[in-house]
Amino acid sequence: MKIHEIRALSTEAIEAKLNDTKEELMKFRFQLSSGELSDFTRLRQTRRIIARLTSVLNERLRNPESEVINE
């Protein structure tokens, strides 16, 4: 998920996506510890998506007028 795609989402959608992505990261960590994870790049990609989501969410919390909703 690219940063411009995240910025196009509403704040509620970003929060929901952040929760889903954190759950996905937790599943990947369990798979890694049990030896079932074969694609290690998914861990890195998921962490980066979480960072992007968190960054945009914090931008919006600091400046509520910057929220963009495409309808």
PDB file of N, CA and C in Angstrom:
ATOM      1  N   MET A   1       0.847  -1.167   0.000  1.00  0.00           N
ATOM      2  CA  MET A   1       0.000   0.000   0.000  1.00  0.00           C
ATOM      3  C   MET A   1       0.897   1.236   0.000  1.00  0.00           C
ATOM      4  N   LYS A   2       0.690   2.076  -0.983  1.00  0.00           N
ATOM      5  CA  LYS A   2       1.496   3.280  -1.140  1.00  0.00           C
ATOM      6  C   LYS A   2       0.941   4.409  -0.276  1.00  0.00           C
ATOM      7  N   ILE A   3       1.789   5.405  -0.004  1.00  0.00           N
ATOM      8  CA  ILE A   3       1.412   6.508   0.874  1.00  0.00           C
ATOM      9  C   ILE A   3       0.252   7.321   0.296  1.00  0.00           C
ATOM     10  N   HIS A   4       0.218   7.505  -1.025  1.00  0.00           N
ATOM     11  CA  HIS A   4      -0.884   8.271  -1.617  1.00  0.00           C
ATOM     12  C   HIS A   4      -2.197   7.511  -1.510  1.00  0.00           C
ATOM     13  N   GLU A   5      -2.143   6.184  -1.506  1.00  0.00           N
ATOM     14  CA  GLU A   5      -3.352   5.381  -1.319  1.00  0.00           C
ATOM     15  C   GLU A   5      -3.861   5.515   0.114  1.00  0.00           C
ATOM     16  N   ILE A   6      -2.934   5.580   1.060  1.00  0.00           N
ATOM     17  CA  ILE A   6      -3.310   5.711   2.466  1.00  0.00           C
ATOM     18  C   ILE A   6      -3.913   7.084   2.724  1.00  0.00           C
ATOM     19  N   ARG A   7      -3.307   8.112   2.153  1.00  0.00           N
ATOM     20  CA  ARG A   7      -3.807   9.474   2.364  1.00  0.00           C
ATOM     21  C   ARG A   7      -5.205   9.664   1.776  1.00  0.00           C
ATOM     22  N   ALA A   8      -5.582   8.853   0.811  1.00  0.00           N
ATOM     23  CA  ALA A   8      -6.914   8.952   0.210  1.00  0.00           C
ATOM     24  C   ALA A   8      -7.994   8.328   1.094  1.00  0.00           C
ATOM     25  N   LEU A   9      -7.600   7.549   2.099  1.00  0.00           N
ATOM     26  CA  LEU A   9      -8.552   6.892   2.989  1.00  0.00           C
ATOM     27  C   LEU A   9      -9.018   7.837   4.089  1.00  0.00           C
ATOM     28  N   SER A  10     -10.169   7.541   4.668  1.00  0.00           N
ATOM     29  CA  SER A  10     -10.644   8.303   5.819  1.00  0.00           C
ATOM     30  C   SER A  10      -9.880   7.846   7.062  1.00  0.00           C
ATOM     31  N   THR A  11      -9.964   8.642   8.109  1.00  0.00           N
ATOM     32  CA  THR A  11      -9.257   8.320   9.349  1.00  0.00           C
ATOM     33  C   THR A  11      -9.743   6.991   9.923  1.00  0.00           C
ATOM     34  N   GLU A  12     -11.042   6.760   9.870  1.00  0.00           N
ATOM     35  CA  GLU A  12     -11.593   5.507  10.392  1.00  0.00           C
ATOM     36  C   GLU A  12     -11.090   4.313   9.590  1.00  0.00           C
ATOM     37  N   ALA A  13     -10.991   4.478   8.285  1.00  0.00           N
ATOM     38  CA  ALA A  13     -10.496   3.393   7.434  1.00  0.00           C
ATOM     39  C   ALA A  13      -9.022   3.113   7.714  1.00  0.00           C
ATOM     40  N   ILE A  14      -8.258   4.164   7.978  1.00  0.00           N
ATOM     41  CA  ILE A  14      -6.839   3.981   8.306  1.00  0.00           C
ATOM     42  C   ILE A  14      -6.699   3.224   9.618  1.00  0.00           C
ATOM     43  N   GLU A  15      -7.505   3.589  10.617  1.00  0.00           N
ATOM     44  CA  GLU A  15      -7.445   2.895  11.907  1.00  0.00           C
ATOM     45  C   GLU A  15      -7.813   1.423  11.754  1.00  0.00           C
ATOM     46  N   ALA A  16      -8.828   1.133  10.957  1.00  0.00           N
ATOM     47  CA  ALA A  16      -9.233  -0.256  10.731  1.00  0.00           C
ATOM     48  C   ALA A  16      -8.133  -1.027  10.007  1.00  0.00           C
ATOM     49  N   LYS A  17      -7.549  -0.414   8.986  1.00  0.00           N
ATOM     50  CA  LYS A  17      -6.466  -1.058   8.232  1.00  0.00           C
ATOM     51  C   LYS A  17      -5.256  -1.285   9.130  1.00  0.00           C
ATOM     52  N   LEU A  18      -4.976  -0.341  10.039  1.00  0.00           N
ATOM     53  CA  LEU A  18      -3.856  -0.477  10.966  1.00  0.00           C
ATOM     54  C   LEU A  18      -4.068  -1.674  11.892  1.00  0.00           C
ATOM     55  N   ASN A  19      -5.269  -1.823  12.419  1.00  0.00           N
ATOM     56  CA  ASN A  19      -5.563  -2.968  13.287  1.00  0.00           C
ATOM     57  C   ASN A  19      -5.430  -4.289  12.534  1.00  0.00           C
ATOM     58  N   ASP A  20      -5.948  -4.340  11.319  1.00  0.00           N
ATOM     59  CA  ASP A  20      -5.851  -5.559  10.510  1.00  0.00           C
ATOM     60  C   ASP A  20      -4.395  -5.906  10.198  1.00  0.00           C
ATOM     61  N   THR A  21      -3.612  -4.893   9.888  1.00  0.00           N
ATOM     62  CA  THR A  21      -2.214  -5.121   9.531  1.00  0.00           C
ATOM     63  C   THR A  21      -1.405  -5.566  10.743  1.00  0.00           C
ATOM     64  N   LYS A  22      -1.729  -5.034  11.917  1.00  0.00           N
ATOM     65  CA  LYS A  22      -1.040  -5.472  13.141  1.00  0.00           C
ATOM     66  C   LYS A  22      -1.358  -6.938  13.445  1.00  0.00           C
ATOM     67  N   GLU A  23      -2.602  -7.335  13.219  1.00  0.00           N
ATOM     68  CA  GLU A  23      -2.967  -8.741  13.411  1.00  0.00           C
ATOM     69  C   GLU A  23      -2.224  -9.632  12.419  1.00  0.00           C
ATOM     70  N   GLU A  24      -2.089  -9.157  11.192  1.00  0.00           N
ATOM     71  CA  GLU A  24      -1.361  -9.905  10.170  1.00  0.00           C
ATOM     72  C   GLU A  24       0.110 -10.066  10.567  1.00  0.00           C
ATOM     73  N   LEU A  25       0.706  -9.015  11.112  1.00  0.00           N
ATOM     74  CA  LEU A  25       2.094  -9.082  11.566  1.00  0.00           C
ATOM     75  C   LEU A  25       2.241 -10.092  12.701  1.00  0.00           C
ATOM     76  N   MET A  26       1.268 -10.118  13.599  1.00  0.00           N
ATOM     77  CA  MET A  26       1.312 -11.073  14.700  1.00  0.00           C
ATOM     78  C   MET A  26       1.268 -12.511  14.164  1.00  0.00           C
ATOM     79  N   LYS A  27       0.441 -12.760  13.161  1.00  0.00           N
ATOM     80  CA  LYS A  27       0.364 -14.095  12.555  1.00  0.00           C
ATOM     81  C   LYS A  27       1.689 -14.477  11.905  1.00  0.00           C
ATOM     82  N   PHE A  28       2.308 -13.506  11.216  1.00  0.00           N
ATOM     83  CA  PHE A  28       3.604 -13.771  10.586  1.00  0.00           C
ATOM     84  C   PHE A  28       4.665 -14.099  11.629  1.00  0.00           C
ATOM     85  N   ARG A  29       4.625 -13.423  12.763  1.00  0.00           N
ATOM     86  CA  ARG A  29       5.612 -13.691  13.818  1.00  0.00           C
ATOM     87  C   ARG A  29       5.429 -15.088  14.402  1.00  0.00           C
ATOM     88  N   PHE A  30       4.167 -15.510  14.565  1.00  0.00           N
ATOM     89  CA  PHE A  30       3.924 -16.871  15.036  1.00  0.00           C
ATOM     90  C   PHE A  30       4.425 -17.891  14.023  1.00  0.00           C
ATOM     91  N   GLN A  31       4.175 -17.626  12.747  1.00  0.00           N
ATOM     92  CA  GLN A  31       4.647 -18.534  11.705  1.00  0.00           C
ATOM     93  C   GLN A  31       6.167 -18.575  11.669  1.00  0.00           C
ATOM     94  N   LEU A  32       6.808 -17.448  11.897  1.00  0.00           N
ATOM     95  CA  LEU A  32       8.266 -17.392  11.908  1.00  0.00           C
ATOM     96  C   LEU A  32       8.833 -18.216  13.057  1.00  0.00           C
ATOM     97  N   SER A  33       8.223 -18.090  14.232  1.00  0.00           N
ATOM     98  CA  SER A  33       8.734 -18.824  15.386  1.00  0.00           C
ATOM     99  C   SER A  33       8.498 -20.329  15.268  1.00  0.00           C
ATOM    100  N   SER A  34       7.445 -20.725  14.553  1.00  0.00           N
ATOM    101  CA  SER A  34       7.172 -22.153  14.387  1.00  0.00           C
ATOM    102  C   SER A  34       7.844 -22.736  13.146  1.00  0.00           C
ATOM    103  N   GLY A  35       8.490 -21.886  12.359  1.00  0.00           N
ATOM    104  CA  GLY A  35       9.205 -22.362  11.182  1.00  0.00           C
ATOM    105  C   GLY A  35       8.341 -22.535   9.950  1.00  0.00           C
ATOM    106  N   GLU A  36       7.115 -22.032   9.967  1.00  0.00           N
ATOM    107  CA  GLU A  36       6.201 -22.192   8.838  1.00  0.00           C
ATOM    108  C   GLU A  36       6.322 -21.077   7.807  1.00  0.00           C
ATOM    109  N   LEU A  37       6.918 -19.954   8.185  1.00  0.00           N
ATOM    110  CA  LEU A  37       7.003 -18.805   7.281  1.00  0.00           C
ATOM    111  C   LEU A  37       8.123 -19.020   6.281  1.00  0.00           C
ATOM    112  N   SER A  38       7.771 -18.988   5.008  1.00  0.00           N
ATOM    113  CA  SER A  38       8.780 -19.211   3.977  1.00  0.00           C
ATOM    114  C   SER A  38       9.206 -17.910   3.298  1.00  0.00           C
ATOM    115  N   ASP A  39       8.336 -16.903   3.297  1.00  0.00           N
ATOM    116  CA  ASP A  39       8.633 -15.631   2.641  1.00  0.00           C
ATOM    117  C   ASP A  39       8.888 -14.567   3.710  1.00  0.00           C
ATOM    118  N   PHE A  40      10.148 -14.336   4.031  1.00  0.00           N
ATOM    119  CA  PHE A  40      10.513 -13.416   5.099  1.00  0.00           C
ATOM    120  C   PHE A  40      10.298 -11.955   4.714  1.00  0.00           C
ATOM    121  N   THR A  41      10.200 -11.685   3.427  1.00  0.00           N
ATOM    122  CA  THR A  41       9.991 -10.299   3.008  1.00  0.00           C
ATOM    123  C   THR A  41       8.609  -9.788   3.403  1.00  0.00           C
ATOM    124  N   ARG A  42       7.669 -10.689   3.626  1.00  0.00           N
ATOM    125  CA  ARG A  42       6.326 -10.281   4.057  1.00  0.00           C
ATOM    126  C   ARG A  42       6.375  -9.588   5.415  1.00  0.00           C
ATOM    127  N   LEU A  43       7.265 -10.045   6.296  1.00  0.00           N
ATOM    128  CA  LEU A  43       7.426  -9.400   7.597  1.00  0.00           C
ATOM    129  C   LEU A  43       7.860  -7.950   7.423  1.00  0.00           C
ATOM    130  N   ARG A  44       8.863  -7.740   6.622  1.00  0.00           N
ATOM    131  CA  ARG A  44       9.393  -6.402   6.398  1.00  0.00           C
ATOM    132  C   ARG A  44       8.350  -5.496   5.738  1.00  0.00           C
ATOM    133  N   GLN A  45       7.656  -6.014   4.740  1.00  0.00           N
ATOM    134  CA  GLN A  45       6.626  -5.231   4.057  1.00  0.00           C
ATOM    135  C   GLN A  45       5.503  -4.843   5.016  1.00  0.00           C
ATOM    136  N   THR A  46       5.111  -5.765   5.862  1.00  0.00           N
ATOM    137  CA  THR A  46       4.031  -5.505   6.805  1.00  0.00           C
ATOM    138  C   THR A  46       4.437  -4.440   7.814  1.00  0.00           C
ATOM    139  N   ARG A  47       5.667  -4.517   8.311  1.00  0.00           N
ATOM    140  CA  ARG A  47       6.152  -3.495   9.248  1.00  0.00           C
ATOM    141  C   ARG A  47       6.177  -2.117   8.597  1.00  0.00           C
ATOM    142  N   ARG A  48       6.552  -2.059   7.346  1.00  0.00           N
ATOM    143  CA  ARG A  48       6.602  -0.775   6.640  1.00  0.00           C
ATOM    144  C   ARG A  48       5.203  -0.211   6.399  1.00  0.00           C
ATOM    145  N   ILE A  49       4.252  -1.076   6.105  1.00  0.00           N
ATOM    146  CA  ILE A  49       2.872  -0.616   5.931  1.00  0.00           C
ATOM    147  C   ILE A  49       2.342  -0.049   7.244  1.00  0.00           C
ATOM    148  N   ILE A  50       2.650  -0.716   8.354  1.00  0.00           N
ATOM    149  CA  ILE A  50       2.233  -0.223   9.664  1.00  0.00           C
ATOM    150  C   ILE A  50       2.837   1.153   9.923  1.00  0.00           C
ATOM    151  N   ALA A  51       4.097   1.332   9.579  1.00  0.00           N
ATOM    152  CA  ALA A  51       4.755   2.628   9.769  1.00  0.00           C
ATOM    153  C   ALA A  51       4.089   3.710   8.924  1.00  0.00           C
ATOM    154  N   ARG A  52       3.745   3.387   7.689  1.00  0.00           N
ATOM    155  CA  ARG A  52       3.078   4.369   6.822  1.00  0.00           C
ATOM    156  C   ARG A  52       1.707   4.746   7.374  1.00  0.00           C
ATOM    157  N   LEU A  53       0.941   3.743   7.786  1.00  0.00           N
ATOM    158  CA  LEU A  53      -0.386   4.002   8.341  1.00  0.00           C
ATOM    159  C   LEU A  53      -0.296   4.862   9.594  1.00  0.00           C
ATOM    160  N   THR A  54       0.647   4.545  10.461  1.00  0.00           N
ATOM    161  CA  THR A  54       0.822   5.294  11.697  1.00  0.00           C
ATOM    162  C   THR A  54       1.245   6.731  11.413  1.00  0.00           C
ATOM    163  N   SER A  55       2.116   6.917  10.440  1.00  0.00           N
ATOM    164  CA  SER A  55       2.575   8.264  10.090  1.00  0.00           C
ATOM    165  C   SER A  55       1.427   9.140   9.605  1.00  0.00           C
ATOM    166  N   VAL A  56       0.617   8.619   8.705  1.00  0.00           N
ATOM    167  CA  VAL A  56      -0.505   9.399   8.179  1.00  0.00           C
ATOM    168  C   VAL A  56      -1.528   9.656   9.278  1.00  0.00           C
ATOM    169  N   LEU A  57      -1.761   8.682  10.130  1.00  0.00           N
ATOM    170  CA  LEU A  57      -2.706   8.856  11.228  1.00  0.00           C
ATOM    171  C   LEU A  57      -2.228   9.944  12.184  1.00  0.00           C
ATOM    172  N   ASN A  58      -0.944   9.950  12.504  1.00  0.00           N
ATOM    173  CA  ASN A  58      -0.396  10.987  13.381  1.00  0.00           C
ATOM    174  C   ASN A  58      -0.434  12.362  12.723  1.00  0.00           C
ATOM    175  N   GLU A  59      -0.214  12.430  11.423  1.00  0.00           N
ATOM    176  CA  GLU A  59      -0.336  13.704  10.705  1.00  0.00           C
ATOM    177  C   GLU A  59      -1.746  14.259  10.859  1.00  0.00           C
ATOM    178  N   ARG A  60      -2.720  13.391  10.736  1.00  0.00           N
ATOM    179  CA  ARG A  60      -4.114  13.829  10.833  1.00  0.00           C
ATOM    180  C   ARG A  60      -4.488  14.218  12.250  1.00  0.00           C
ATOM    181  N   LEU A  61      -3.915  13.543  13.238  1.00  0.00           N
ATOM    182  CA  LEU A  61      -4.221  13.893  14.622  1.00  0.00           C
ATOM    183  C   LEU A  61      -3.623  15.249  14.984  1.00  0.00           C
ATOM    184  N   ARG A  62      -2.461  15.557  14.437  1.00  0.00           N
ATOM    185  CA  ARG A  62      -1.828  16.847  14.699  1.00  0.00           C
ATOM    186  C   ARG A  62      -2.506  17.972  13.931  1.00  0.00           C
ATOM    187  N   ASN A  63      -3.019  17.680  12.746  1.00  0.00           N
ATOM    188  CA  ASN A  63      -3.633  18.692  11.897  1.00  0.00           C
ATOM    189  C   ASN A  63      -4.943  18.141  11.332  1.00  0.00           C
ATOM    190  N   PRO A  64      -6.047  18.268  12.074  1.00  0.00           N
ATOM    191  CA  PRO A  64      -7.313  17.662  11.641  1.00  0.00           C
ATOM    192  C   PRO A  64      -7.863  18.223  10.330  1.00  0.00           C
ATOM    193  N   GLU A  65      -7.474  19.436   9.946  1.00  0.00           N
ATOM    194  CA  GLU A  65      -7.984  20.024   8.710  1.00  0.00           C
ATOM    195  C   GLU A  65      -7.418  19.347   7.470  1.00  0.00           C
ATOM    196  N   SER A  66      -6.348  18.575   7.623  1.00  0.00           N
ATOM    197  CA  SER A  66      -5.692  17.978   6.459  1.00  0.00           C
ATOM    198  C   SER A  66      -6.340  16.673   6.004  1.00  0.00           C
ATOM    199  N   GLU A  67      -7.383  16.243   6.678  1.00  0.00           N
ATOM    200  CA  GLU A  67      -8.033  14.983   6.303  1.00  0.00           C
ATOM    201  C   GLU A  67      -8.685  15.107   4.932  1.00  0.00           C
ATOM    202  N   VAL A  68      -8.366  14.164   4.068  1.00  0.00           N
ATOM    203  CA  VAL A  68      -8.892  14.163   2.708  1.00  0.00           C
ATOM    204  C   VAL A  68      -9.811  12.965   2.554  1.00  0.00           C
ATOM    205  N   ILE A  69     -11.026  13.229   2.120  1.00  0.00           N
ATOM    206  CA  ILE A  69     -11.978  12.144   1.896  1.00  0.00           C
ATOM    207  C   ILE A  69     -12.418  12.208   0.444  1.00  0.00           C
ATOM    208  N   ASN A  70     -12.135  11.166  -0.292  1.00  0.00           N
ATOM    209  CA  ASN A  70     -12.545  11.089  -1.695  1.00  0.00           C
ATOM    210  C   ASN A  70     -13.865  10.345  -1.785  1.00  0.00           C
ATOM    211  N   GLU A  71     -14.903  11.045  -2.151  1.00  0.00           N
ATOM    212  CA  GLU A  71     -16.216  10.408  -2.272  1.00  0.00           C
ATOM    213  C   GLU A  71     -16.765  10.586  -3.646  1.00  0.00           C
TER     214      GLU A  71
END
